[in-house]
C-alpha atoms as a PDB file:
ATOM      1  CA  MET A   1      68.338  52.670 -74.238  1.00  0.00           C
ATOM      2  CA  GLU A   2      69.441  50.250 -76.959  1.00  0.00           C
ATOM      3  CA  ILE A   3      71.037  46.917 -76.070  1.00  0.00           C
ATOM      4  CA  GLU A   4      74.293  46.151 -77.881  1.00  0.00           C
ATOM      5  CA  LYS A   5      73.766  42.476 -78.617  1.00  0.00           C
ATOM      6  CA  ASP A   6      77.280  41.993 -79.959  1.00  0.00           C
ATOM      7  CA  GLN A   7      78.537  42.831 -76.454  1.00  0.00           C
ATOM      8  CA  VAL A   8      76.464  40.076 -74.832  1.00  0.00           C
ATOM      9  CA  CYS A   9      77.411  36.442 -74.264  1.00  0.00           C
ATOM     10  CA  ILE A  10      74.522  34.019 -73.765  1.00  0.00           C
ATOM     11  CA  LEU A  11      75.704  31.434 -71.223  1.00  0.00           C
ATOM     12  CA  ILE A  12      73.789  28.144 -71.076  1.00  0.00           C
ATOM     13  CA  PRO A  13      74.967  25.432 -68.641  1.00  0.00           C
ATOM     14  CA  THR A  14      73.595  22.061 -69.773  1.00  0.00           C
ATOM     15  CA  LEU A  15      73.348  18.440 -68.745  1.00  0.00           C
ATOM     16  CA  ASN A  16      71.261  16.134 -70.945  1.00  0.00           C
ATOM     17  CA  GLU A  17      69.083  18.854 -72.492  1.00  0.00           C
ATOM     18  CA  ALA A  18      68.897  17.352 -75.998  1.00  0.00           C
ATOM     19  CA  PRO A  19      65.102  17.842 -76.463  1.00  0.00           C
ATOM     20  CA  THR A  20      65.339  21.624 -75.942  1.00  0.00           C
ATOM     21  CA  ILE A  21      68.850  22.958 -76.562  1.00  0.00           C
ATOM     22  CA  ARG A  22      68.682  23.232 -80.375  1.00  0.00           C
ATOM     23  CA  ASP A  23      65.522  25.359 -80.390  1.00  0.00           C
ATOM     24  CA  LEU A  24      66.814  27.490 -77.521  1.00  0.00           C
ATOM     25  CA  VAL A  25      70.087  28.314 -79.282  1.00  0.00           C
ATOM     26  CA  ARG A  26      68.306  29.054 -82.572  1.00  0.00           C
ATOM     27  CA  ALA A  27      65.835  31.344 -80.787  1.00  0.00           C
ATOM     28  CA  PHE A  28      68.675  33.469 -79.426  1.00  0.00           C
ATOM     29  CA  ARG A  29      70.446  33.556 -82.793  1.00  0.00           C
ATOM     30  CA  ASP A  30      67.214  34.652 -84.444  1.00  0.00           C
ATOM     31  CA  ARG A  31      67.034  37.508 -81.944  1.00  0.00           C
ATOM     32  CA  GLY A  32      70.472  38.726 -83.026  1.00  0.00           C
ATOM     33  CA  TYR A  33      72.759  37.217 -80.394  1.00  0.00           C
ATOM     34  CA  ARG A  34      75.878  35.798 -82.031  1.00  0.00           C
ATOM     35  CA  ARG A  35      77.934  34.681 -79.026  1.00  0.00           C
ATOM     36  CA  ILE A  36      76.212  31.738 -77.394  1.00  0.00           C
ATOM     37  CA  LEU A  37      78.358  29.663 -75.043  1.00  0.00           C
ATOM     38  CA  VAL A  38      77.073  26.254 -73.968  1.00  0.00           C
ATOM     39  CA  MET A  39      78.955  24.784 -71.002  1.00  0.00           C
ATOM     40  CA  ASP A  40      78.084  21.119 -71.169  1.00  0.00           C
ATOM     41  CA  GLY A  41      78.496  18.850 -68.159  1.00  0.00           C
ATOM     42  CA  ASN A  42      79.418  15.821 -70.311  1.00  0.00           C
ATOM     43  CA  SER A  43      75.891  15.004 -71.452  1.00  0.00           C
ATOM     44  CA  THR A  44      75.183  11.509 -72.739  1.00  0.00           C
ATOM     45  CA  ASP A  45      72.180  12.320 -74.943  1.00  0.00           C
ATOM     46  CA  GLY A  46      73.831  14.359 -77.704  1.00  0.00           C
ATOM     47  CA  THR A  47      73.214  17.797 -76.178  1.00  0.00           C
ATOM     48  CA  ALA A  48      76.632  19.135 -77.202  1.00  0.00           C
ATOM     49  CA  ALA A  49      76.261  18.058 -80.839  1.00  0.00           C
ATOM     50  CA  ARG A  50      72.790  19.582 -81.165  1.00  0.00           C
ATOM     51  CA  ALA A  51      73.977  22.861 -79.627  1.00  0.00           C
ATOM     52  CA  GLU A  52      76.867  23.050 -82.107  1.00  0.00           C
ATOM     53  CA  GLU A  53      74.539  22.300 -85.018  1.00  0.00           C
ATOM     54  CA  ALA A  54      72.354  25.230 -83.925  1.00  0.00           C
ATOM     55  CA  GLY A  55      75.345  27.596 -83.924  1.00  0.00           C
ATOM     56  CA  ALA A  56      76.558  27.665 -80.320  1.00  0.00           C
ATOM     57  CA  GLU A  57      80.123  27.443 -79.086  1.00  0.00           C
ATOM     58  CA  VAL A  58      80.284  24.342 -76.892  1.00  0.00           C
ATOM     59  CA  ARG A  59      82.800  23.726 -74.126  1.00  0.00           C
ATOM     60  CA  LEU A  60      82.887  20.536 -72.086  1.00  0.00           C
ATOM     61  CA  GLN A  61      83.418  21.436 -68.461  1.00  0.00           C
ATOM     62  CA  SER A  62      86.129  19.634 -66.547  1.00  0.00           C
ATOM     63  CA  GLY A  63      84.182  19.420 -63.291  1.00  0.00           C
ATOM     64  CA  LYS A  64      80.636  18.346 -62.524  1.00  0.00           C
ATOM     65  CA  GLY A  65      77.704  20.541 -61.601  1.00  0.00           C
ATOM     66  CA  LYS A  66      76.211  23.850 -62.659  1.00  0.00           C
ATOM     67  CA  GLY A  67      78.440  25.797 -60.306  1.00  0.00           C
ATOM     68  CA  ASN A  68      81.581  24.486 -61.960  1.00  0.00           C
ATOM     69  CA  ALA A  69      80.122  25.395 -65.347  1.00  0.00           C
ATOM     70  CA  VAL A  70      79.679  29.032 -64.264  1.00  0.00           C
ATOM     71  CA  ILE A  71      83.116  29.184 -62.627  1.00  0.00           C
ATOM     72  CA  GLU A  72      84.856  27.795 -65.708  1.00  0.00           C
ATOM     73  CA  ALA A  73      82.842  30.045 -68.034  1.00  0.00           C
ATOM     74  CA  ALA A  74      84.055  33.132 -66.144  1.00  0.00           C
ATOM     75  CA  GLY A  75      87.543  32.459 -67.484  1.00  0.00           C
ATOM     76  CA  ILE A  76      86.344  31.889 -71.056  1.00  0.00           C
ATOM     77  CA  ILE A  77      83.905  34.747 -71.685  1.00  0.00           C
ATOM     78  CA  ASP A  78      85.489  37.848 -73.223  1.00  0.00           C
ATOM     79  CA  LEU A  79      82.423  40.058 -73.655  1.00  0.00           C
ATOM     80  CA  PRO A  80      81.357  42.662 -71.056  1.00  0.00           C
ATOM     81  CA  TYR A  81      77.791  41.398 -70.500  1.00  0.00           C
ATOM     82  CA  VAL A  82      76.489  37.903 -69.739  1.00  0.00           C
ATOM     83  CA  LEU A  83      72.975  36.486 -69.846  1.00  0.00           C
ATOM     84  CA  MET A  84      72.718  33.093 -68.145  1.00  0.00           C
ATOM     85  CA  LEU A  85      69.811  30.680 -68.303  1.00  0.00           C
ATOM     86  CA  ASP A  86      69.122  26.955 -68.061  1.00  0.00           C
ATOM     87  CA  GLY A  87      69.007  24.843 -71.196  1.00  0.00           C
ATOM     88  CA  ASP A  88      65.779  23.025 -70.347  1.00  0.00           C
ATOM     89  CA  GLY A  89      63.416  25.435 -72.096  1.00  0.00           C
ATOM     90  CA  THR A  90      61.767  26.785 -68.957  1.00  0.00           C
ATOM     91  CA  TYR A  91      63.041  30.337 -69.554  1.00  0.00           C
ATOM     92  CA  LEU A  92      62.064  32.338 -72.617  1.00  0.00           C
ATOM     93  CA  PRO A  93      64.486  34.123 -74.976  1.00  0.00           C
ATOM     94  CA  GLU A  94      61.744  36.749 -75.390  1.00  0.00           C
ATOM     95  CA  ASP A  95      62.606  38.005 -71.883  1.00  0.00           C
ATOM     96  CA  ALA A  96      66.299  38.501 -72.739  1.00  0.00           C
ATOM     97  CA  GLU A  97      66.123  42.224 -73.538  1.00  0.00           C
ATOM     98  CA  LYS A  98      64.139  42.875 -70.365  1.00  0.00           C
ATOM     99  CA  MET A  99      66.865  41.104 -68.376  1.00  0.00           C
ATOM    100  CA  LEU A 100      69.750  42.909 -70.093  1.00  0.00           C
ATOM    101  CA  LEU A 101      68.367  46.445 -70.071  1.00  0.00           C
ATOM    102  CA  PRO A 102      69.291  47.165 -66.399  1.00  0.00           C
ATOM    103  CA  LEU A 103      72.928  46.254 -67.136  1.00  0.00           C
ATOM    104  CA  PHE A 104      73.121  48.931 -69.815  1.00  0.00           C
ATOM    105  CA  SER A 105      71.619  51.349 -67.256  1.00  0.00           C
ATOM    106  CA  GLY A 106      74.420  50.764 -64.743  1.00  0.00           C
ATOM    107  CA  TYR A 107      73.328  47.717 -62.740  1.00  0.00           C
ATOM    108  CA  ASP A 108      75.793  44.901 -62.016  1.00  0.00           C
ATOM    109  CA  HIS A 109      73.494  41.925 -61.492  1.00  0.00           C
ATOM    110  CA  VAL A 110      69.945  41.148 -62.627  1.00  0.00           C
ATOM    111  CA  ILE A 111      67.742  38.364 -61.262  1.00  0.00           C
ATOM    112  CA  GLY A 112      64.744  37.086 -63.188  1.00  0.00           C
ATOM    113  CA  ASN A 113      61.862  36.751 -60.754  1.00  0.00           C
ATOM    114  CA  ARG A 114      59.862  33.612 -61.620  1.00  0.00           C
ATOM    115  CA  LEU A 115      57.597  34.084 -58.602  1.00  0.00           C
ATOM    116  CA  ALA A 116      56.024  37.371 -59.716  1.00  0.00           C
ATOM    117  CA  PHE A 117      53.450  35.536 -61.842  1.00  0.00           C
ATOM    118  CA  PRO A 118      53.918  31.817 -61.120  1.00  0.00           C
ATOM    119  CA  ASP A 119      52.497  29.285 -63.588  1.00  0.00           C
ATOM    120  CA  SER A 120      50.664  26.487 -61.788  1.00  0.00           C
ATOM    121  CA  ARG A 121      51.923  24.002 -64.400  1.00  0.00           C
ATOM    122  CA  ALA A 122      55.554  24.973 -63.777  1.00  0.00           C
ATOM    123  CA  PHE A 123      55.376  25.098 -59.977  1.00  0.00           C
ATOM    124  CA  THR A 124      53.833  22.510 -57.719  1.00  0.00           C
ATOM    125  CA  ARG A 125      52.388  23.806 -54.465  1.00  0.00           C
ATOM    126  CA  LEU A 126      55.354  22.280 -52.620  1.00  0.00           C
ATOM    127  CA  ASN A 127      57.883  23.978 -54.915  1.00  0.00           C
ATOM    128  CA  LEU A 128      56.175  27.346 -54.659  1.00  0.00           C
ATOM    129  CA  THR A 129      55.955  27.162 -50.863  1.00  0.00           C
ATOM    130  CA  GLY A 130      59.578  26.050 -50.636  1.00  0.00           C
ATOM    131  CA  ASN A 131      60.765  28.925 -52.825  1.00  0.00           C
ATOM    132  CA  HIS A 132      58.949  31.497 -50.686  1.00  0.00           C
ATOM    133  CA  LEU A 133      60.349  29.936 -47.500  1.00  0.00           C
ATOM    134  CA  ILE A 134      63.902  29.998 -48.864  1.00  0.00           C
ATOM    135  CA  ASN A 135      63.581  33.629 -49.961  1.00  0.00           C
ATOM    136  CA  HIS A 136      62.251  34.679 -46.544  1.00  0.00           C
ATOM    137  CA  PHE A 137      65.144  32.869 -44.858  1.00  0.00           C
ATOM    138  CA  PHE A 138      67.607  34.618 -47.191  1.00  0.00           C
ATOM    139  CA  ARG A 139      66.118  37.985 -46.269  1.00  0.00           C
ATOM    140  CA  LEU A 140      66.528  37.208 -42.555  1.00  0.00           C
ATOM    141  CA  ALA A 141      70.078  35.927 -42.961  1.00  0.00           C
ATOM    142  CA  HIS A 142      71.430  38.512 -45.411  1.00  0.00           C
ATOM    143  CA  GLY A 143      69.209  41.556 -44.999  1.00  0.00           C
ATOM    144  CA  ARG A 144      68.031  41.865 -48.619  1.00  0.00           C
ATOM    145  CA  ASP A 145      64.811  40.835 -50.317  1.00  0.00           C
ATOM    146  CA  LEU A 146      65.794  39.623 -53.800  1.00  0.00           C
ATOM    147  CA  SER A 147      62.407  37.966 -54.475  1.00  0.00           C
ATOM    148  CA  ASP A 148      63.751  34.825 -56.194  1.00  0.00           C
ATOM    149  CA  ILE A 149      67.329  33.907 -55.290  1.00  0.00           C
ATOM    150  CA  LEU A 150      67.013  30.444 -56.901  1.00  0.00           C
ATOM    151  CA  SER A 151      66.202  31.804 -60.344  1.00  0.00           C
ATOM    152  CA  GLY A 152      68.398  30.404 -63.098  1.00  0.00           C
ATOM    153  CA  TYR A 153      67.707  33.386 -65.377  1.00  0.00           C
ATOM    154  CA  ARG A 154      70.358  35.987 -64.610  1.00  0.00           C
ATOM    155  CA  ALA A 155      72.246  38.787 -66.289  1.00  0.00           C
ATOM    156  CA  PHE A 156      75.457  40.326 -65.019  1.00  0.00           C
ATOM    157  CA  THR A 157      78.502  42.209 -66.110  1.00  0.00           C
ATOM    158  CA  LEU A 158      81.641  40.153 -66.628  1.00  0.00           C
ATOM    159  CA  GLY A 159      83.405  42.397 -64.120  1.00  0.00           C
ATOM    160  CA  SER A 160      80.850  41.677 -61.397  1.00  0.00           C
ATOM    161  CA  LEU A 161      81.098  37.935 -62.084  1.00  0.00           C
ATOM    162  CA  ARG A 162      84.889  37.925 -61.833  1.00  0.00           C
ATOM    163  CA  GLN A 163      84.666  40.018 -58.680  1.00  0.00           C
ATOM    164  CA  MET A 164      82.939  37.092 -56.978  1.00  0.00           C
ATOM    165  CA  ASN A 165      84.890  34.286 -55.363  1.00  0.00           C
ATOM    166  CA  LEU A 166      82.544  31.459 -56.361  1.00  0.00           C
ATOM    167  CA  ARG A 167      83.185  27.990 -54.953  1.00  0.00           C
ATOM    168  CA  GLU A 168      79.907  26.067 -55.013  1.00  0.00           C
ATOM    169  CA  ALA A 169      80.067  23.264 -57.577  1.00  0.00           C
ATOM    170  CA  GLY A 170      76.366  22.405 -57.804  1.00  0.00           C
ATOM    171  CA  PHE A 171      73.005  24.103 -58.076  1.00  0.00           C
ATOM    172  CA  GLU A 172      73.700  26.144 -54.914  1.00  0.00           C
ATOM    173  CA  ILE A 173      75.598  28.478 -57.252  1.00  0.00           C
ATOM    174  CA  GLU A 174      72.577  30.809 -57.610  1.00  0.00           C
ATOM    175  CA  THR A 175      72.394  31.176 -53.837  1.00  0.00           C
ATOM    176  CA  GLU A 176      76.124  31.880 -53.607  1.00  0.00           C
ATOM    177  CA  MET A 177      75.909  34.464 -56.389  1.00  0.00           C
ATOM    178  CA  ALA A 178      73.062  36.233 -54.596  1.00  0.00           C
ATOM    179  CA  VAL A 179      75.001  36.251 -51.315  1.00  0.00           C
ATOM    180  CA  GLN A 180      78.191  37.569 -52.893  1.00  0.00           C
ATOM    181  CA  ALA A 181      76.353  40.205 -54.923  1.00  0.00           C
ATOM    182  CA  VAL A 182      74.880  41.522 -51.657  1.00  0.00           C
ATOM    183  CA  ASN A 183      78.182  41.200 -49.799  1.00  0.00           C
ATOM    184  CA  LEU A 184      80.074  43.076 -52.533  1.00  0.00           C
ATOM    185  CA  ASN A 185      77.424  45.805 -52.553  1.00  0.00           C
ATOM    186  CA  GLN A 186      76.706  45.289 -56.236  1.00  0.00           C
ATOM    187  CA  GLN A 187      73.779  47.085 -57.826  1.00  0.00           C
ATOM    188  CA  ILE A 188      71.075  44.404 -58.133  1.00  0.00           C
ATOM    189  CA  ALA A 189      67.868  44.616 -60.150  1.00  0.00           C
ATOM    190  CA  VAL A 190      64.966  42.163 -59.992  1.00  0.00           C
ATOM    191  CA  VAL A 191      62.920  41.706 -63.167  1.00  0.00           C
ATOM    192  CA  PRO A 192      59.729  39.602 -63.498  1.00  0.00           C
ATOM    193  CA  VAL A 193      60.106  36.810 -66.059  1.00  0.00           C
ATOM    194  CA  ARG A 194      57.968  33.962 -67.279  1.00  0.00           C
ATOM    195  CA  TYR A 195      58.756  30.431 -66.183  1.00  0.00           C
ATOM    196  CA  GLN A 196      57.309  27.534 -68.159  1.00  0.00           C
ATOM    197  CA  GLU A 197      56.664  23.897 -67.499  1.00  0.00           C
ATOM    198  CA  ARG A 198      59.635  21.733 -68.482  1.00  0.00           C
ATOM    199  CA  PRO A 199      58.868  20.702 -72.073  1.00  0.00           C
ATOM    200  CA  GLY A 200      60.882  17.529 -72.446  1.00  0.00           C
ATOM    201  CA  THR A 201      63.518  16.848 -69.819  1.00  0.00           C
ATOM    202  CA  PRO A 202      63.052  15.439 -66.301  1.00  0.00           C
ATOM    203  CA  THR A 203      63.916  17.693 -63.381  1.00  0.00           C
ATOM    204  CA  LYS A 204      67.242  17.121 -61.670  1.00  0.00           C
ATOM    205  CA  LEU A 205      66.105  18.550 -58.332  1.00  0.00           C
ATOM    206  CA  HIS A 206      64.597  16.778 -55.324  1.00  0.00           C
ATOM    207  CA  PRO A 207      62.415  19.363 -53.536  1.00  0.00           C
ATOM    208  CA  LEU A 208      62.881  18.332 -49.882  1.00  0.00           C
ATOM    209  CA  GLN A 209      66.485  17.142 -49.977  1.00  0.00           C
ATOM    210  CA  ASP A 210      67.735  19.958 -52.198  1.00  0.00           C
ATOM    211  CA  GLY A 211      65.678  22.540 -50.327  1.00  0.00           C
ATOM    212  CA  MET A 212      67.448  21.597 -47.105  1.00  0.00           C
ATOM    213  CA  ARG A 213      70.811  21.882 -48.872  1.00  0.00           C
ATOM    214  CA  ILE A 214      69.952  25.376 -50.056  1.00  0.00           C
ATOM    215  CA  LEU A 215      68.775  26.474 -46.591  1.00  0.00           C
ATOM    216  CA  SER A 216      72.009  25.056 -45.187  1.00  0.00           C
ATOM    217  CA  ALA A 217      74.015  26.997 -47.774  1.00  0.00           C
ATOM    218  CA  ILE A 218      72.218  30.266 -46.956  1.00  0.00           C
ATOM    219  CA  TYR A 219      72.965  29.765 -43.273  1.00  0.00           C
ATOM    220  CA  ARG A 220      76.586  28.770 -43.963  1.00  0.00           C
ATOM    221  CA  PHE A 221      77.187  31.858 -46.116  1.00  0.00           C
ATOM    222  CA  ALA A 222      75.862  34.045 -43.290  1.00  0.00           C
ATOM    223  CA  LYS A 223      78.992  33.241 -41.264  1.00  0.00           C
ATOM    224  CA  THR A 224      80.946  35.906 -43.170  1.00  0.00           C
ATOM    225  CA  ASN A 225      78.102  38.120 -44.389  1.00  0.00           C
ATOM    226  CA  ASN A 226      75.966  38.326 -41.237  1.00  0.00           C
ATOM    227  CA  PRO A 227      77.826  36.871 -38.221  1.00  0.00           C
ATOM    228  CA  LEU A 228      75.210  38.189 -35.783  1.00  0.00           C
ATOM    229  CA  PHE A 229      72.580  36.006 -37.454  1.00  0.00           C
ATOM    230  CA  TYR A 230      74.897  32.993 -37.797  1.00  0.00           C
ATOM    231  CA  PHE A 231      76.245  32.948 -34.232  1.00  0.00           C
ATOM    232  CA  GLY A 232      73.134  34.536 -32.749  1.00  0.00           C
ATOM    233  CA  LEU A 233      70.959  31.658 -33.924  1.00  0.00           C
ATOM    234  CA  ILE A 234      73.293  29.088 -32.363  1.00  0.00           C
ATOM    235  CA  GLY A 235      73.519  31.093 -29.153  1.00  0.00           C
ATOM    236  CA  ALA A 236      69.764  31.574 -28.984  1.00  0.00           C
ATOM    237  CA  CYS A 237      69.129  27.830 -29.426  1.00  0.00           C
ATOM    238  CA  LEU A 238      71.585  26.909 -26.668  1.00  0.00           C
ATOM    239  CA  THR A 239      70.246  29.571 -24.323  1.00  0.00           C
ATOM    240  CA  LEU A 240      66.663  28.485 -25.007  1.00  0.00           C
ATOM    241  CA  ALA A 241      67.585  24.850 -24.287  1.00  0.00           C
ATOM    242  CA  GLY A 242      69.233  25.967 -21.059  1.00  0.00           C
ATOM    243  CA  GLY A 243      66.180  28.015 -20.128  1.00  0.00           C
ATOM    244  CA  VAL A 244      63.838  25.050 -20.640  1.00  0.00           C
ATOM    245  CA  LEU A 245      66.077  22.869 -18.471  1.00  0.00           C
ATOM    246  CA  ALA A 246      66.244  25.627 -15.875  1.00  0.00           C
ATOM    247  CA  ILE A 247      62.451  25.643 -15.562  1.00  0.00           C
ATOM    248  CA  TYR A 248      62.439  21.860 -15.132  1.00  0.00           C
ATOM    249  CA  VAL A 249      65.232  21.965 -12.523  1.00  0.00           C
ATOM    250  CA  LEU A 250      63.461  24.753 -10.610  1.00  0.00           C
ATOM    251  CA  VAL A 251      60.130  22.907 -10.576  1.00  0.00           C
ATOM    252  CA  GLU A 252      61.872  19.741  -9.350  1.00  0.00           C
ATOM    253  CA  TRP A 253      63.796  21.718  -6.685  1.00  0.00           C
ATOM    254  CA  LEU A 254      60.515  23.198  -5.406  1.00  0.00           C
ATOM    255  CA  ASN A 255      59.340  19.602  -5.009  1.00  0.00           C
ATOM    256  CA  HIS A 256      62.500  18.874  -2.996  1.00  0.00           C
ATOM    257  CA  ILE A 257      64.148  16.883  -5.794  1.00  0.00           C
ATOM    258  CA  GLU A 258      67.690  17.900  -6.659  1.00  0.00           C
ATOM    259  CA  HIS A 259      69.356  17.314 -10.053  1.00  0.00           C
ATOM    260  CA  ILE A 260      72.955  18.454  -9.566  1.00  0.00           C
ATOM    261  CA  PRO A 261      74.369  17.218 -12.929  1.00  0.00           C
ATOM    262  CA  LEU A 262      71.363  18.649 -14.775  1.00  0.00           C
ATOM    263  CA  THR A 263      71.774  21.951 -12.952  1.00  0.00           C
ATOM    264  CA  ILE A 264      75.414  22.138 -14.077  1.00  0.00           C
ATOM    265  CA  LEU A 265      74.410  21.358 -17.657  1.00  0.00           C
ATOM    266  CA  THR A 266      71.740  24.076 -17.497  1.00  0.00           C
ATOM    267  CA  VAL A 267      74.236  26.708 -16.374  1.00  0.00           C
ATOM    268  CA  LEU A 268      76.746  25.636 -19.037  1.00  0.00           C
ATOM    269  CA  LEU A 269      74.164  25.799 -21.815  1.00  0.00           C
ATOM    270  CA  ILE A 270      73.063  29.295 -20.837  1.00  0.00           C
ATOM    271  CA  MET A 271      76.628  30.580 -20.416  1.00  0.00           C
ATOM    272  CA  VAL A 272      77.876  29.078 -23.679  1.00  0.00           C
ATOM    273  CA  GLY A 273      74.787  30.316 -25.526  1.00  0.00           C
ATOM    274  CA  ILE A 274      75.339  33.878 -24.299  1.00  0.00           C
ATOM    275  CA  GLU A 275      79.051  33.728 -25.173  1.00  0.00           C
ATOM    276  CA  ILE A 276      78.362  32.491 -28.707  1.00  0.00           C
ATOM    277  CA  PHE A 277      75.766  35.235 -29.140  1.00  0.00           C
ATOM    278  CA  MET A 278      78.415  37.763 -28.081  1.00  0.00           C
ATOM    279  CA  PHE A 279      80.784  36.307 -30.697  1.00  0.00           C
ATOM    280  CA  GLY A 280      78.128  37.241 -33.224  1.00  0.00           C
ATOM    281  CA  VAL A 281      77.851  40.791 -31.861  1.00  0.00           C
ATOM    282  CA  ILE A 282      81.624  41.277 -31.987  1.00  0.00           C
ATOM    283  CA  GLY A 283      81.805  39.730 -35.469  1.00  0.00           C
ATOM    284  CA  ASP A 284      79.051  42.058 -36.676  1.00  0.00           C
ATOM    285  CA  MET A 285      80.937  45.083 -35.330  1.00  0.00           C
ATOM    286  CA  LEU A 286      84.167  43.971 -37.031  1.00  0.00           C
ATOM    287  CA  LEU A 287      82.342  43.374 -40.303  1.00  0.00           C
ATOM    288  CA  ALA A 288      80.751  46.840 -40.174  1.00  0.00           C
ATOM    289  CA  PHE A 289      84.178  48.366 -39.499  1.00  0.00           C
ATOM    290  CA  HIS A 290      85.715  46.396 -42.386  1.00  0.00           C
ATOM    291  CA  ARG A 291      83.016  47.555 -44.802  1.00  0.00           C
ATOM    292  CA  GLU A 292      83.486  51.153 -43.719  1.00  0.00           C
ATOM    293  CA  VAL A 293      87.247  50.896 -44.316  1.00  0.00           C
ATOM    294  CA  VAL A 294      86.645  49.404 -47.773  1.00  0.00           C
ATOM    295  CA  ARG A 295      84.226  52.214 -48.632  1.00  0.00           C
ATOM    296  CA  GLU A 296      86.777  54.834 -47.540  1.00  0.00           C
ATOM    297  CA  ILE A 297      89.513  53.200 -49.614  1.00  0.00           C
ATOM    298  CA  GLN A 298      87.242  53.125 -52.662  1.00  0.00           C
ATOM    299  CA  ARG A 299      86.307  56.761 -52.088  1.00  0.00           C
ATOM    300  CA  MET A 300      89.978  57.786 -51.951  1.00  0.00           C
ATOM    301  CA  GLN A 301      90.902  56.005 -55.182  1.00  0.00           C
ATOM    302  CA  PRO A 302      91.179  58.320 -58.195  1.00  0.00           C
ATOM    303  CA  PRO A 303      88.509  57.860 -60.880  1.00  0.00           C
ATOM    304  CA  LYS A 304      89.459  55.622 -63.788  1.00  0.00           C
ATOM    305  CA  LYS A 305      90.478  57.419 -66.934  1.00  0.00           C
ATOM    306  CA  PRO A 306      88.331  56.610 -69.950  1.00  0.00           C
ATOM    307  CA  GLU A 307      90.093  54.402 -72.481  1.00  0.00           C
END
């Protein structure tokens, strides 16, 4: 199947990517892509000027962060297909057709999997371990294995992007997009891509601090996508704490030492933990019912007439 490049917008969010942006834009233009949109986060190193010189359309975003760049771009793009990648030169334009092909085959969202063949120069051992941990946690929380939810190389239809209700302003945007794509039952493809060492710009991520923020975001998003996991984890922790205290209270009671306040706390922890777990069960049932109703409504809608 042939890719219609004039129907594709190349979206590149940037912040101080002057060493790499010119060559990146020119590489896409040389491959036949004419619509290249650079959403610049008010860079101070001349990124916007270099992107314009290379032939890109540059828009200065009003808010800060990569998430805001994607959200604002959704209202600007007027082509049916979007290929998004970082402007730091770590992703290769040569993988563009491989990323776009599933869209022209009917998929809604494509994720470039950097972890299929990781480059030791691009990933430290800590980064690689952290990425695998985050992806395993995502699979537990949201029930889908998407291989590399933090990948910045993505392709999607404009319709699927506008279907999402994106709110994350920063780099958690990839996680939110993955969650919403799963929640909206979009057709998702995962494609192996190459990921290179950053050629000239310092990384903006802090592995431990930002990793915890991403794990927190995955768990927070589970509140509406997988309430059994969200509330069940809280309930399990409280019940486990109550169980540990119960063992201590029982051992002390067998030694003829009473802890009345601690006994009350133990009972409360176990009861509250079980109740919160039940909230998760009820929420999961309601969510399943809601999804079934949505599917029935979609099934009853008449097919769209071709234009």
